[in-house]
Amino acid sequence: MNGGIGTKWLAGTLLGFPLSLAVCTLAILWLPGGWQSGIIGAVTASLPLWVAIIISTSLLFSSSRAAWLWLGAANLICFGALWGWRLMAVPSAAA
């Protein structure tokens, strides 16, 4: 992978979508009523967040390698937090 903008856009596209979904899911878990009350808002908010991630990866990262590594690490952290949340079986705020 070279440092071209095309591979940075690809990193933002492929890794940005699951990252935006994970971030929005983490955000709604702390809402009153849990995920049931905020799922529509989270899915709606994930699209602009995904576009922001795509644009930021093309501009903020100096190389495509940095974009792939940072977005991959962010995905691991967010999905690890979701997995940990599920393992702990933390009840929602409404329960």
Protein backbone atom coordinates (compact mmCIF):
# COMPACT_ATOMS: atom_id res chain seq x y z
CA MET A 1 0.00 0.00 0.00
CA ASN A 2 1.41 3.35 -0.95
CA GLY A 3 0.64 6.68 0.67
CA GLY A 4 -1.87 7.69 -1.99
CA ILE A 5 -5.23 9.15 -1.16
CA GLY A 6 -7.00 6.21 -2.80
CA THR A 7 -5.87 3.72 -0.20
CA LYS A 8 -6.66 6.12 2.63
CA TRP A 9 -10.19 6.50 1.26
CA LEU A 10 -10.43 2.71 1.07
CA ALA A 11 -9.38 2.42 4.71
CA GLY A 12 -11.99 4.98 5.70
CA THR A 13 -14.65 3.24 3.67
CA LEU A 14 -13.98 -0.33 4.78
CA LEU A 15 -13.05 0.31 8.40
CA GLY A 16 -15.08 3.48 8.92
CA PHE A 17 -18.49 1.88 8.48
CA PRO A 18 -18.16 -0.71 11.27
CA LEU A 19 -16.45 1.93 13.42
CA SER A 20 -19.33 4.37 12.99
CA LEU A 21 -21.86 1.65 13.85
CA ALA A 22 -19.89 0.62 16.94
CA VAL A 23 -19.50 4.21 18.17
CA CYS A 24 -23.21 4.92 17.71
CA THR A 25 -24.10 1.64 19.45
CA LEU A 26 -21.85 2.50 22.39
CA ALA A 27 -23.53 5.91 22.58
CA ILE A 28 -27.07 4.52 22.78
CA LEU A 29 -26.25 1.94 25.43
CA TRP A 30 -26.13 4.71 28.03
CA LEU A 31 -29.44 6.28 27.03
CA PRO A 32 -32.45 5.88 29.29
CA GLY A 33 -34.42 2.98 27.87
CA GLY A 34 -31.35 1.25 26.47
CA TRP A 35 -30.75 0.44 22.86
CA GLN A 36 -34.45 -0.12 22.10
CA SER A 37 -35.26 3.56 22.49
CA GLY A 38 -32.33 4.89 20.45
CA ILE A 39 -31.73 2.41 17.66
CA ILE A 40 -33.30 4.54 14.92
CA GLY A 41 -31.28 7.59 15.95
CA ALA A 42 -28.09 5.55 16.09
CA VAL A 43 -28.55 4.08 12.64
CA THR A 44 -29.41 7.52 11.27
CA ALA A 45 -26.38 9.12 12.94
CA SER A 46 -24.01 6.42 11.71
CA LEU A 47 -24.19 7.58 8.08
CA PRO A 48 -22.92 11.15 8.67
CA LEU A 49 -20.33 9.77 11.08
CA TRP A 50 -19.16 7.29 8.43
CA VAL A 51 -18.82 10.09 5.86
CA ALA A 52 -16.88 12.17 8.40
CA ILE A 53 -14.52 9.24 9.01
CA ILE A 54 -13.97 8.79 5.26
CA ILE A 55 -13.19 12.49 4.78
CA SER A 56 -10.98 12.68 7.86
CA THR A 57 -8.92 9.64 6.86
CA SER A 58 -8.15 11.18 3.51
CA LEU A 59 -7.00 14.42 5.12
CA LEU A 60 -5.65 13.68 8.60
CA PHE A 61 -3.45 10.65 8.11
CA SER A 62 -0.08 11.15 6.50
CA SER A 63 0.01 7.66 5.01
CA SER A 64 -2.39 4.90 4.15
CA ARG A 65 -0.58 2.61 6.59
CA ALA A 66 -1.35 5.00 9.45
CA ALA A 67 -5.00 5.17 8.38
CA TRP A 68 -5.34 1.37 8.29
CA LEU A 69 -3.59 0.93 11.65
CA TRP A 70 -5.46 3.68 13.53
CA LEU A 71 -8.87 2.74 12.17
CA GLY A 72 -8.18 -0.95 12.79
CA ALA A 73 -7.17 -0.20 16.38
CA ALA A 74 -10.25 1.98 16.88
CA ASN A 75 -12.45 -0.86 15.60
CA LEU A 76 -10.79 -3.32 17.97
CA ILE A 77 -11.32 -0.99 20.92
CA CYS A 78 -14.96 -0.22 20.13
CA PHE A 79 -15.96 -3.78 19.36
CA GLY A 80 -13.99 -4.97 22.39
CA ALA A 81 -15.98 -2.55 24.54
CA LEU A 82 -19.24 -3.85 23.05
CA TRP A 83 -18.13 -7.43 23.64
CA GLY A 84 -17.13 -6.60 27.21
CA TRP A 85 -20.46 -4.90 27.79
CA ARG A 86 -22.24 -8.04 26.63
CA LEU A 87 -20.07 -10.33 28.77
CA MET A 88 -20.70 -8.25 31.86
CA ALA A 89 -24.43 -8.31 31.08
CA VAL A 90 -24.76 -4.74 32.26
CA PRO A 91 -28.44 -3.91 32.46
CA SER A 92 -29.64 -0.87 30.56
CA ALA A 93 -30.50 2.35 32.37
CA ALA A 94 -34.24 1.59 32.19
CA ALA A 95 -33.98 -1.76 33.97
